[in-house]
């Protein structure tokens, strides 16, 4: 199943720089509603969750920028990005010097992205 999630992510997103954090590249979608519909069709679940993994949300962008400007907040530490979505915060923590950063999310598409 993980390979089908990965194939889905590659079909519906583009790997590109995160706006405002161009040093980080994520699989991002252009159309939230179109992607959400595609997730519902793929999973045969009309109640499928929004694809939070396919967008750089405001909170993640703010944390990423903060860590870029204040790497001492995580340098040499272990970081857990809970409900990680795209994993932006975990990636930013690693770039800022965290020794380990683990992103976890309940959505199997998030892990594939």
N, C-alpha and C. Protein backbone atom coordinates (compact mmCIF):
# COMPACT_ATOMS: atom_id res chain seq x y z
N UNK A 1 0.82 -1.20 0.00
CA UNK A 1 0.00 0.00 0.00
C UNK A 1 0.86 1.26 0.00
N UNK A 2 2.00 1.24 0.68
CA UNK A 2 2.86 2.42 0.74
C UNK A 2 3.31 2.85 -0.65
N UNK A 3 3.58 1.89 -1.53
CA UNK A 3 4.01 2.25 -2.88
C UNK A 3 2.88 2.92 -3.65
N UNK A 4 1.62 2.52 -3.41
CA UNK A 4 0.51 3.18 -4.08
C UNK A 4 0.32 4.60 -3.54
N UNK A 5 0.56 4.80 -2.25
CA UNK A 5 0.50 6.15 -1.70
C UNK A 5 1.58 7.03 -2.32
N UNK A 6 2.77 6.47 -2.45
CA UNK A 6 3.88 7.22 -3.05
C UNK A 6 3.56 7.58 -4.50
N UNK A 7 3.03 6.63 -5.26
CA UNK A 7 2.66 6.89 -6.65
C UNK A 7 1.59 7.98 -6.73
N UNK A 8 0.63 7.95 -5.81
CA UNK A 8 -0.41 8.97 -5.76
C UNK A 8 0.20 10.35 -5.52
N UNK A 9 1.09 10.44 -4.54
CA UNK A 9 1.74 11.72 -4.23
C UNK A 9 2.49 12.24 -5.45
N UNK A 10 3.22 11.39 -6.12
CA UNK A 10 3.99 11.81 -7.29
C UNK A 10 3.08 12.25 -8.44
N UNK A 11 1.91 11.64 -8.57
CA UNK A 11 0.97 12.01 -9.64
C UNK A 11 0.30 13.35 -9.39
N UNK A 12 0.08 13.68 -8.11
CA UNK A 12 -0.78 14.83 -7.80
C UNK A 12 -0.05 16.04 -7.20
N UNK A 13 1.25 15.96 -7.07
CA UNK A 13 2.01 17.08 -6.51
C UNK A 13 3.26 17.32 -7.34
N UNK A 14 3.92 18.43 -7.03
CA UNK A 14 5.21 18.73 -7.66
C UNK A 14 6.22 18.99 -6.55
N UNK A 15 7.43 18.47 -6.72
CA UNK A 15 8.51 18.75 -5.78
C UNK A 15 9.02 20.15 -6.08
N UNK A 16 8.88 21.04 -5.11
CA UNK A 16 9.29 22.43 -5.35
C UNK A 16 9.64 23.12 -4.04
N UNK A 17 10.34 24.25 -4.15
CA UNK A 17 10.74 24.98 -2.94
C UNK A 17 9.52 25.50 -2.18
N UNK A 18 9.65 25.53 -0.87
CA UNK A 18 8.60 26.07 -0.01
C UNK A 18 8.70 27.60 -0.04
N UNK A 19 7.62 28.30 -0.33
CA UNK A 19 7.66 29.76 -0.35
C UNK A 19 8.12 30.32 1.00
N UNK A 20 9.15 31.14 0.96
CA UNK A 20 9.70 31.72 2.18
C UNK A 20 10.76 30.86 2.85
N UNK A 21 10.84 29.61 2.46
CA UNK A 21 11.86 28.68 2.96
C UNK A 21 12.40 27.89 1.76
N UNK A 22 12.89 28.62 0.78
CA UNK A 22 13.26 28.03 -0.50
C UNK A 22 14.33 26.95 -0.40
N UNK A 23 15.06 26.91 0.70
CA UNK A 23 16.08 25.88 0.88
C UNK A 23 15.46 24.51 1.15
N UNK A 24 14.16 24.48 1.44
CA UNK A 24 13.44 23.23 1.69
C UNK A 24 12.50 22.97 0.51
N UNK A 25 12.54 21.74 0.02
CA UNK A 25 11.65 21.35 -1.08
C UNK A 25 10.71 20.25 -0.60
N UNK A 26 9.43 20.42 -0.94
CA UNK A 26 8.40 19.46 -0.56
C UNK A 26 7.55 19.10 -1.77
N UNK A 27 6.84 17.99 -1.66
CA UNK A 27 5.84 17.64 -2.66
C UNK A 27 4.59 18.47 -2.34
N UNK A 28 4.33 19.49 -3.16
CA UNK A 28 3.24 20.42 -2.90
C UNK A 28 2.19 20.34 -4.01
N UNK A 29 0.95 20.60 -3.64
CA UNK A 29 -0.16 20.59 -4.59
C UNK A 29 -0.55 22.02 -4.94
N UNK A 30 -1.13 22.17 -6.11
CA UNK A 30 -1.60 23.49 -6.55
C UNK A 30 -3.05 23.74 -6.14
N UNK A 31 -3.84 22.69 -6.05
CA UNK A 31 -5.29 22.82 -5.87
C UNK A 31 -5.76 21.94 -4.71
N UNK A 32 -6.06 22.56 -3.57
CA UNK A 32 -6.43 21.80 -2.38
C UNK A 32 -7.73 21.02 -2.59
N UNK A 33 -8.72 21.64 -3.18
CA UNK A 33 -10.00 20.94 -3.34
C UNK A 33 -9.90 19.81 -4.36
N UNK A 34 -9.17 20.04 -5.44
CA UNK A 34 -8.97 18.99 -6.43
C UNK A 34 -8.22 17.80 -5.85
N UNK A 35 -7.18 18.09 -5.07
CA UNK A 35 -6.41 17.02 -4.45
C UNK A 35 -7.26 16.29 -3.41
N UNK A 36 -8.03 17.03 -2.64
CA UNK A 36 -8.89 16.41 -1.63
C UNK A 36 -9.88 15.44 -2.31
N UNK A 37 -10.46 15.88 -3.41
CA UNK A 37 -11.37 15.01 -4.15
C UNK A 37 -10.63 13.76 -4.64
N UNK A 38 -9.42 13.93 -5.15
CA UNK A 38 -8.63 12.79 -5.63
C UNK A 38 -8.33 11.82 -4.49
N UNK A 39 -8.05 12.33 -3.29
CA UNK A 39 -7.83 11.46 -2.12
C UNK A 39 -9.10 10.69 -1.80
N UNK A 40 -10.25 11.36 -1.84
CA UNK A 40 -11.52 10.69 -1.56
C UNK A 40 -11.78 9.57 -2.57
N UNK A 41 -11.49 9.82 -3.83
CA UNK A 41 -11.69 8.80 -4.87
C UNK A 41 -10.70 7.65 -4.68
N UNK A 42 -9.43 7.98 -4.45
CA UNK A 42 -8.38 6.97 -4.29
C UNK A 42 -8.66 6.04 -3.11
N UNK A 43 -9.13 6.62 -2.01
CA UNK A 43 -9.35 5.83 -0.80
C UNK A 43 -10.78 5.29 -0.71
N UNK A 44 -11.63 5.67 -1.65
CA UNK A 44 -13.05 5.31 -1.64
C UNK A 44 -13.65 5.69 -0.29
N UNK A 45 -13.32 6.90 0.15
CA UNK A 45 -13.76 7.40 1.45
C UNK A 45 -14.21 8.84 1.30
N UNK A 46 -15.53 9.09 1.26
CA UNK A 46 -16.01 10.46 1.11
C UNK A 46 -15.68 11.35 2.31
N UNK A 47 -15.27 10.74 3.42
CA UNK A 47 -14.92 11.49 4.62
C UNK A 47 -13.41 11.59 4.81
N UNK A 48 -12.64 11.32 3.77
CA UNK A 48 -11.17 11.38 3.88
C UNK A 48 -10.73 12.76 4.36
N UNK A 49 -9.69 12.77 5.15
CA UNK A 49 -9.17 14.02 5.71
C UNK A 49 -8.60 14.92 4.62
N UNK A 50 -8.61 16.20 4.89
CA UNK A 50 -7.93 17.15 4.00
C UNK A 50 -6.48 16.74 3.84
N UNK A 51 -5.89 16.94 2.67
CA UNK A 51 -4.49 16.56 2.45
C UNK A 51 -3.52 17.60 3.02
N UNK A 52 -3.45 17.67 4.34
CA UNK A 52 -2.58 18.65 4.99
C UNK A 52 -1.12 18.47 4.60
N UNK A 53 -0.75 17.28 4.17
CA UNK A 53 0.62 16.95 3.81
C UNK A 53 1.05 17.62 2.51
N UNK A 54 0.13 18.14 1.73
CA UNK A 54 0.46 18.67 0.40
C UNK A 54 0.59 20.19 0.36
N UNK A 55 0.61 20.83 1.51
CA UNK A 55 0.69 22.28 1.57
C UNK A 55 1.58 22.71 2.72
N UNK A 56 2.24 23.82 2.54
CA UNK A 56 3.04 24.41 3.62
C UNK A 56 2.13 25.38 4.37
N UNK A 57 1.54 24.91 5.43
CA UNK A 57 0.58 25.71 6.20
C UNK A 57 1.30 26.80 6.98
N UNK A 58 0.57 27.83 7.36
CA UNK A 58 1.13 29.00 8.04
C UNK A 58 1.92 28.67 9.29
N UNK A 59 1.41 27.79 10.12
CA UNK A 59 2.12 27.44 11.36
C UNK A 59 3.46 26.79 11.09
N UNK A 60 3.49 25.88 10.13
CA UNK A 60 4.74 25.22 9.76
C UNK A 60 5.74 26.20 9.16
N UNK A 61 5.24 27.12 8.34
CA UNK A 61 6.11 28.15 7.76
C UNK A 61 6.72 29.02 8.86
N UNK A 62 5.89 29.41 9.83
CA UNK A 62 6.38 30.25 10.92
C UNK A 62 7.45 29.52 11.74
N UNK A 63 7.20 28.27 12.06
CA UNK A 63 8.19 27.49 12.83
C UNK A 63 9.46 27.31 12.01
N UNK A 64 9.32 27.01 10.73
CA UNK A 64 10.49 26.85 9.87
C UNK A 64 11.34 28.11 9.81
N UNK A 65 10.69 29.25 9.67
CA UNK A 65 11.43 30.52 9.64
C UNK A 65 12.09 30.80 10.99
N UNK A 66 11.35 30.51 12.06
CA UNK A 66 11.92 30.72 13.40
C UNK A 66 13.18 29.88 13.58
N UNK A 67 13.11 28.62 13.19
CA UNK A 67 14.27 27.73 13.36
C UNK A 67 15.44 28.15 12.47
N UNK A 68 15.14 28.69 11.30
CA UNK A 68 16.22 29.19 10.44
C UNK A 68 16.92 30.36 11.12
N UNK A 69 16.16 31.22 11.78
CA UNK A 69 16.72 32.40 12.44
C UNK A 69 17.26 32.11 13.84
N UNK A 70 16.79 31.04 14.46
CA UNK A 70 17.19 30.69 15.84
C UNK A 70 17.55 29.20 15.93
N UNK A 71 18.58 28.77 15.23
CA UNK A 71 18.91 27.34 15.23
C UNK A 71 19.26 26.80 16.62
N UNK A 72 19.66 27.68 17.51
CA UNK A 72 20.01 27.23 18.87
C UNK A 72 18.81 26.60 19.59
N UNK A 73 17.61 26.87 19.11
CA UNK A 73 16.41 26.29 19.73
C UNK A 73 16.38 24.76 19.61
N UNK A 74 17.01 24.23 18.56
CA UNK A 74 16.97 22.78 18.35
C UNK A 74 18.35 22.15 18.13
N UNK A 75 19.37 22.95 17.97
CA UNK A 75 20.71 22.41 17.68
C UNK A 75 21.13 21.40 18.74
N UNK A 76 21.53 20.22 18.29
CA UNK A 76 21.98 19.17 19.19
C UNK A 76 20.87 18.44 19.93
N UNK A 77 19.63 18.71 19.58
CA UNK A 77 18.49 18.10 20.28
C UNK A 77 17.74 17.11 19.39
N UNK A 78 16.88 16.33 20.02
CA UNK A 78 15.96 15.45 19.29
C UNK A 78 14.62 16.15 19.20
N UNK A 79 13.99 16.08 18.04
CA UNK A 79 12.75 16.81 17.79
C UNK A 79 11.67 15.84 17.32
N UNK A 80 10.46 15.99 17.84
CA UNK A 80 9.31 15.23 17.38
C UNK A 80 8.33 16.20 16.74
N UNK A 81 8.02 15.98 15.47
CA UNK A 81 7.03 16.77 14.74
C UNK A 81 5.76 15.93 14.71
N UNK A 82 4.85 16.19 15.66
CA UNK A 82 3.64 15.40 15.84
C UNK A 82 2.54 15.97 14.95
N UNK A 83 1.80 15.11 14.24
CA UNK A 83 0.83 15.54 13.23
C UNK A 83 1.58 16.35 12.18
N UNK A 84 2.63 15.74 11.65
CA UNK A 84 3.63 16.43 10.83
C UNK A 84 3.12 16.92 9.48
N UNK A 85 2.10 16.30 8.94
CA UNK A 85 1.65 16.71 7.61
C UNK A 85 2.77 16.55 6.60
N UNK A 86 3.24 17.65 6.06
CA UNK A 86 4.31 17.62 5.06
C UNK A 86 5.68 17.32 5.65
N UNK A 87 5.81 17.41 6.97
CA UNK A 87 7.11 17.21 7.61
C UNK A 87 7.98 18.45 7.60
N UNK A 88 7.40 19.58 7.23
CA UNK A 88 8.16 20.82 7.12
C UNK A 88 8.92 21.16 8.39
N UNK A 89 8.27 21.05 9.54
CA UNK A 89 8.94 21.43 10.80
C UNK A 89 10.09 20.48 11.13
N UNK A 90 9.91 19.19 10.89
CA UNK A 90 10.99 18.23 11.14
C UNK A 90 12.17 18.51 10.22
N UNK A 91 11.90 18.80 8.96
CA UNK A 91 12.97 19.10 8.01
C UNK A 91 13.69 20.38 8.42
N UNK A 92 12.94 21.40 8.81
CA UNK A 92 13.54 22.66 9.25
C UNK A 92 14.40 22.44 10.49
N UNK A 93 13.94 21.58 11.40
CA UNK A 93 14.72 21.29 12.61
C UNK A 93 16.05 20.62 12.26
N UNK A 94 16.02 19.68 11.34
CA UNK A 94 17.27 19.03 10.91
C UNK A 94 18.22 20.03 10.27
N UNK A 95 17.68 20.90 9.44
CA UNK A 95 18.52 21.91 8.78
C UNK A 95 19.11 22.88 9.80
N UNK A 96 18.41 23.06 10.94
CA UNK A 96 18.88 23.96 11.98
C UNK A 96 19.84 23.28 12.95
N UNK A 97 20.10 21.99 12.76
CA UNK A 97 21.09 21.32 13.60
C UNK A 97 20.57 20.31 14.58
N UNK A 98 19.29 19.97 14.52
CA UNK A 98 18.78 18.91 15.39
C UNK A 98 19.50 17.61 15.06
N UNK A 99 19.81 16.82 16.08
CA UNK A 99 20.50 15.56 15.83
C UNK A 99 19.57 14.52 15.21
N UNK A 100 18.30 14.57 15.61
CA UNK A 100 17.27 13.68 15.08
C UNK A 100 15.98 14.47 15.02
N UNK A 101 15.22 14.28 13.96
CA UNK A 101 13.88 14.86 13.88
C UNK A 101 12.97 13.80 13.29
N UNK A 102 11.91 13.49 14.00
CA UNK A 102 10.97 12.46 13.57
C UNK A 102 9.62 13.12 13.33
N UNK A 103 9.10 12.94 12.13
CA UNK A 103 7.78 13.44 11.80
C UNK A 103 6.80 12.28 11.80
N UNK A 104 5.70 12.41 12.53
CA UNK A 104 4.68 11.36 12.56
C UNK A 104 3.33 11.95 12.18
N UNK A 105 2.55 11.16 11.47
CA UNK A 105 1.22 11.60 11.07
C UNK A 105 0.36 10.37 10.86
N UNK A 106 -0.92 10.48 11.14
CA UNK A 106 -1.84 9.36 10.98
C UNK A 106 -2.17 9.10 9.52
N UNK A 107 -2.00 10.09 8.66
CA UNK A 107 -2.35 9.99 7.25
C UNK A 107 -1.26 9.25 6.48
N UNK A 108 -1.55 8.11 5.87
CA UNK A 108 -0.51 7.37 5.14
C UNK A 108 0.05 8.14 3.95
N UNK A 109 -0.71 9.07 3.39
CA UNK A 109 -0.19 9.89 2.30
C UNK A 109 0.89 10.84 2.81
N UNK A 110 0.78 11.28 4.06
CA UNK A 110 1.80 12.17 4.63
C UNK A 110 3.16 11.47 4.68
N UNK A 111 3.17 10.23 5.10
CA UNK A 111 4.44 9.49 5.14
C UNK A 111 5.02 9.32 3.75
N UNK A 112 4.16 9.12 2.77
CA UNK A 112 4.64 8.95 1.39
C UNK A 112 5.19 10.25 0.82
N UNK A 113 4.61 11.37 1.24
CA UNK A 113 5.06 12.67 0.72
C UNK A 113 6.39 13.05 1.33
